[in-house]
Amino acid sequence: MYKELIKNWIPNLTPTLIKEYGEKLGYHLTNSEITILYQFIMKNYSEILDGNEKSFKELKKQINPTLYQQLLLLYNEQKQKYL
């Protein structure tokens, strides 16, 4: 059920929402990081929801290691809750 809700909500995602959510969590994202994350989500969300996490390897190459680790931790927490 959550997968369908996420798939239906993704078209509403904007870089501004990513920035605001990051700030809420205490992440101070640069404009470049916001753009990278937005593009990554829009391109890969479907396969990630289906359990294919290979695309994270590409993301790791594009952002700083600290942010990557924080995002991976957040992803795993949310995955356990909702998927």
N, C-alpha and C. Protein backbone atom coordinates (compact mmCIF):
# COMPACT_ATOMS: atom_id res chain seq x y z
N MET A 1 0.82 -1.19 0.00
CA MET A 1 0.00 0.00 0.00
C MET A 1 0.87 1.26 0.00
N TYR A 2 1.91 1.28 0.84
CA TYR A 2 2.78 2.45 0.90
C TYR A 2 3.48 2.71 -0.43
N LYS A 3 3.84 1.63 -1.12
CA LYS A 3 4.52 1.79 -2.42
C LYS A 3 3.63 2.57 -3.38
N GLU A 4 2.37 2.25 -3.44
CA GLU A 4 1.46 2.94 -4.34
C GLU A 4 1.27 4.40 -3.93
N LEU A 5 1.19 4.65 -2.64
CA LEU A 5 1.08 6.03 -2.16
C LEU A 5 2.31 6.84 -2.56
N ILE A 6 3.47 6.24 -2.39
CA ILE A 6 4.72 6.93 -2.76
C ILE A 6 4.76 7.18 -4.26
N LYS A 7 4.42 6.17 -5.04
CA LYS A 7 4.44 6.32 -6.50
C LYS A 7 3.48 7.42 -6.95
N ASN A 8 2.35 7.53 -6.29
CA ASN A 8 1.38 8.57 -6.65
C ASN A 8 1.81 9.95 -6.19
N TRP A 9 2.63 10.02 -5.14
CA TRP A 9 3.05 11.30 -4.58
C TRP A 9 4.29 11.86 -5.29
N ILE A 10 5.15 11.01 -5.78
CA ILE A 10 6.44 11.42 -6.37
C ILE A 10 6.30 12.55 -7.41
N PRO A 11 5.30 12.55 -8.27
CA PRO A 11 5.21 13.65 -9.25
C PRO A 11 5.08 15.04 -8.60
N ASN A 12 4.71 15.08 -7.33
CA ASN A 12 4.58 16.35 -6.62
C ASN A 12 5.89 16.82 -5.98
N LEU A 13 6.90 15.97 -6.02
CA LEU A 13 8.18 16.30 -5.41
C LEU A 13 8.85 17.45 -6.16
N THR A 14 9.43 18.38 -5.42
CA THR A 14 10.16 19.50 -6.00
C THR A 14 11.49 19.65 -5.27
N PRO A 15 12.44 20.32 -5.89
CA PRO A 15 13.70 20.61 -5.18
C PRO A 15 13.46 21.38 -3.88
N THR A 16 12.48 22.25 -3.87
CA THR A 16 12.16 23.02 -2.66
C THR A 16 11.73 22.10 -1.53
N LEU A 17 10.92 21.10 -1.83
CA LEU A 17 10.50 20.15 -0.80
C LEU A 17 11.69 19.36 -0.25
N ILE A 18 12.62 19.01 -1.12
CA ILE A 18 13.83 18.31 -0.67
C ILE A 18 14.63 19.20 0.27
N LYS A 19 14.78 20.45 -0.10
CA LYS A 19 15.53 21.39 0.74
C LYS A 19 14.85 21.55 2.10
N GLU A 20 13.54 21.73 2.10
CA GLU A 20 12.81 21.92 3.36
C GLU A 20 12.86 20.68 4.23
N TYR A 21 12.72 19.51 3.64
CA TYR A 21 12.79 18.27 4.40
C TYR A 21 14.19 18.07 4.97
N GLY A 22 15.19 18.36 4.17
CA GLY A 22 16.56 18.26 4.65
C GLY A 22 16.82 19.18 5.84
N GLU A 23 16.33 20.41 5.75
CA GLU A 23 16.50 21.36 6.85
C GLU A 23 15.78 20.87 8.10
N LYS A 24 14.60 20.30 7.92
CA LYS A 24 13.83 19.76 9.05
C LYS A 24 14.62 18.67 9.77
N LEU A 25 15.39 17.90 9.00
CA LEU A 25 16.20 16.82 9.57
C LEU A 25 17.58 17.28 10.02
N GLY A 26 17.89 18.55 9.78
CA GLY A 26 19.18 19.09 10.19
C GLY A 26 20.27 18.97 9.13
N TYR A 27 19.89 18.66 7.89
CA TYR A 27 20.85 18.59 6.79
C TYR A 27 20.85 19.93 6.07
N HIS A 28 22.01 20.51 5.92
CA HIS A 28 22.13 21.77 5.20
C HIS A 28 22.68 21.46 3.81
N LEU A 29 21.76 21.31 2.87
CA LEU A 29 22.10 20.89 1.52
C LEU A 29 22.46 22.09 0.64
N THR A 30 23.46 21.89 -0.19
CA THR A 30 23.79 22.92 -1.18
C THR A 30 22.80 22.81 -2.34
N ASN A 31 22.75 23.83 -3.17
CA ASN A 31 21.88 23.78 -4.34
C ASN A 31 22.26 22.62 -5.25
N SER A 32 23.53 22.36 -5.37
CA SER A 32 24.01 21.25 -6.19
C SER A 32 23.52 19.91 -5.62
N GLU A 33 23.62 19.74 -4.32
CA GLU A 33 23.17 18.50 -3.69
C GLU A 33 21.66 18.32 -3.86
N ILE A 34 20.93 19.40 -3.72
CA ILE A 34 19.47 19.35 -3.89
C ILE A 34 19.14 18.89 -5.31
N THR A 35 19.82 19.46 -6.29
CA THR A 35 19.58 19.09 -7.68
C THR A 35 19.93 17.62 -7.92
N ILE A 36 21.05 17.17 -7.40
CA ILE A 36 21.48 15.78 -7.56
C ILE A 36 20.45 14.85 -6.93
N LEU A 37 20.00 15.17 -5.72
CA LEU A 37 19.03 14.32 -5.04
C LEU A 37 17.69 14.29 -5.77
N TYR A 38 17.26 15.44 -6.23
CA TYR A 38 16.00 15.51 -6.97
C TYR A 38 16.07 14.64 -8.23
N GLN A 39 17.12 14.80 -8.99
CA GLN A 39 17.28 14.02 -10.22
C GLN A 39 17.40 12.53 -9.92
N PHE A 40 18.11 12.20 -8.86
CA PHE A 40 18.27 10.81 -8.47
C PHE A 40 16.92 10.19 -8.10
N ILE A 41 16.16 10.89 -7.29
CA ILE A 41 14.85 10.37 -6.88
C ILE A 41 13.93 10.19 -8.07
N MET A 42 13.85 11.20 -8.90
CA MET A 42 12.94 11.14 -10.04
C MET A 42 13.32 10.01 -11.01
N LYS A 43 14.58 9.76 -11.14
CA LYS A 43 15.04 8.73 -12.07
C LYS A 43 14.94 7.32 -11.49
N ASN A 44 15.16 7.18 -10.18
CA ASN A 44 15.35 5.85 -9.59
C ASN A 44 14.30 5.39 -8.59
N TYR A 45 13.33 6.22 -8.26
CA TYR A 45 12.42 5.85 -7.18
C TYR A 45 11.68 4.54 -7.44
N SER A 46 11.28 4.30 -8.66
CA SER A 46 10.49 3.11 -8.96
C SER A 46 11.28 1.83 -8.72
N GLU A 47 12.51 1.80 -9.21
CA GLU A 47 13.32 0.60 -9.01
C GLU A 47 13.69 0.42 -7.54
N ILE A 48 13.91 1.50 -6.83
CA ILE A 48 14.24 1.41 -5.41
C ILE A 48 13.04 0.86 -4.63
N LEU A 49 11.85 1.34 -4.96
CA LEU A 49 10.64 0.82 -4.31
C LEU A 49 10.46 -0.67 -4.58
N ASP A 50 10.95 -1.12 -5.71
CA ASP A 50 10.84 -2.53 -6.06
C ASP A 50 11.99 -3.36 -5.50
N GLY A 51 12.86 -2.73 -4.70
CA GLY A 51 13.93 -3.46 -4.03
C GLY A 51 15.28 -3.44 -4.71
N ASN A 52 15.39 -2.78 -5.86
CA ASN A 52 16.66 -2.70 -6.57
C ASN A 52 17.39 -1.44 -6.12
N GLU A 53 18.43 -1.62 -5.32
CA GLU A 53 19.14 -0.48 -4.74
C GLU A 53 20.49 -0.22 -5.40
N LYS A 54 20.72 -0.78 -6.57
CA LYS A 54 22.00 -0.61 -7.27
C LYS A 54 22.30 0.85 -7.59
N SER A 55 21.27 1.64 -7.81
CA SER A 55 21.47 3.04 -8.19
C SER A 55 22.14 3.85 -7.08
N PHE A 56 22.11 3.35 -5.86
CA PHE A 56 22.78 4.07 -4.77
C PHE A 56 24.28 4.17 -5.01
N LYS A 57 24.83 3.21 -5.74
CA LYS A 57 26.27 3.27 -6.04
C LYS A 57 26.61 4.51 -6.86
N GLU A 58 25.73 4.88 -7.78
CA GLU A 58 25.94 6.08 -8.58
C GLU A 58 25.80 7.34 -7.72
N LEU A 59 24.82 7.33 -6.84
CA LEU A 59 24.62 8.48 -5.96
C LEU A 59 25.84 8.70 -5.08
N LYS A 60 26.43 7.62 -4.61
CA LYS A 60 27.60 7.70 -3.74
C LYS A 60 28.75 8.45 -4.41
N LYS A 61 28.85 8.31 -5.73
CA LYS A 61 29.91 8.99 -6.48
C LYS A 61 29.65 10.48 -6.64
N GLN A 62 28.40 10.91 -6.46
CA GLN A 62 28.01 12.28 -6.78
C GLN A 62 27.93 13.22 -5.58
N ILE A 63 27.82 12.67 -4.37
CA ILE A 63 27.68 13.53 -3.19
C ILE A 63 28.77 13.20 -2.18
N ASN A 64 28.94 14.10 -1.21
CA ASN A 64 30.01 13.89 -0.23
C ASN A 64 29.69 12.68 0.65
N PRO A 65 30.71 12.00 1.14
CA PRO A 65 30.53 10.76 1.90
C PRO A 65 29.66 10.90 3.15
N THR A 66 29.78 12.03 3.84
CA THR A 66 28.98 12.23 5.05
C THR A 66 27.50 12.30 4.71
N LEU A 67 27.17 13.08 3.70
CA LEU A 67 25.77 13.19 3.28
C LEU A 67 25.27 11.84 2.79
N TYR A 68 26.07 11.13 2.05
CA TYR A 68 25.66 9.82 1.55
C TYR A 68 25.32 8.89 2.72
N GLN A 69 26.16 8.85 3.73
CA GLN A 69 25.91 7.99 4.89
C GLN A 69 24.64 8.40 5.62
N GLN A 70 24.42 9.71 5.76
CA GLN A 70 23.21 10.20 6.41
C GLN A 70 21.97 9.79 5.62
N LEU A 71 22.03 9.92 4.31
CA LEU A 71 20.89 9.56 3.46
C LEU A 71 20.63 8.06 3.46
N LEU A 72 21.69 7.29 3.46
CA LEU A 72 21.54 5.84 3.50
C LEU A 72 20.90 5.40 4.82
N LEU A 73 21.31 6.00 5.90
CA LEU A 73 20.72 5.70 7.20
C LEU A 73 19.23 6.09 7.20
N LEU A 74 18.92 7.27 6.71
CA LEU A 74 17.53 7.73 6.62
C LEU A 74 16.72 6.79 5.74
N TYR A 75 17.25 6.42 4.60
CA TYR A 75 16.56 5.51 3.70
C TYR A 75 16.26 4.18 4.39
N ASN A 76 17.25 3.61 5.06
CA ASN A 76 17.04 2.32 5.73
C ASN A 76 16.01 2.42 6.85
N GLU A 77 16.00 3.51 7.58
CA GLU A 77 14.99 3.72 8.63
C GLU A 77 13.60 3.78 8.01
N GLN A 78 13.46 4.53 6.95
CA GLN A 78 12.16 4.67 6.30
C GLN A 78 11.72 3.39 5.62
N LYS A 79 12.66 2.66 5.07
CA LYS A 79 12.36 1.39 4.42
C LYS A 79 11.78 0.40 5.44
N GLN A 80 12.36 0.36 6.62
CA GLN A 80 11.86 -0.54 7.65
C GLN A 80 10.45 -0.13 8.11
N LYS A 81 10.19 1.15 8.13
CA LYS A 81 8.88 1.63 8.56
C LYS A 81 7.79 1.38 7.52
N TYR A 82 8.10 1.66 6.26
CA TYR A 82 7.06 1.72 5.24
C TYR A 82 7.10 0.67 4.15
N LEU A 83 8.21 0.03 3.97
CA LEU A 83 8.25 -0.96 2.88
C LEU A 83 8.39 -2.30 3.47
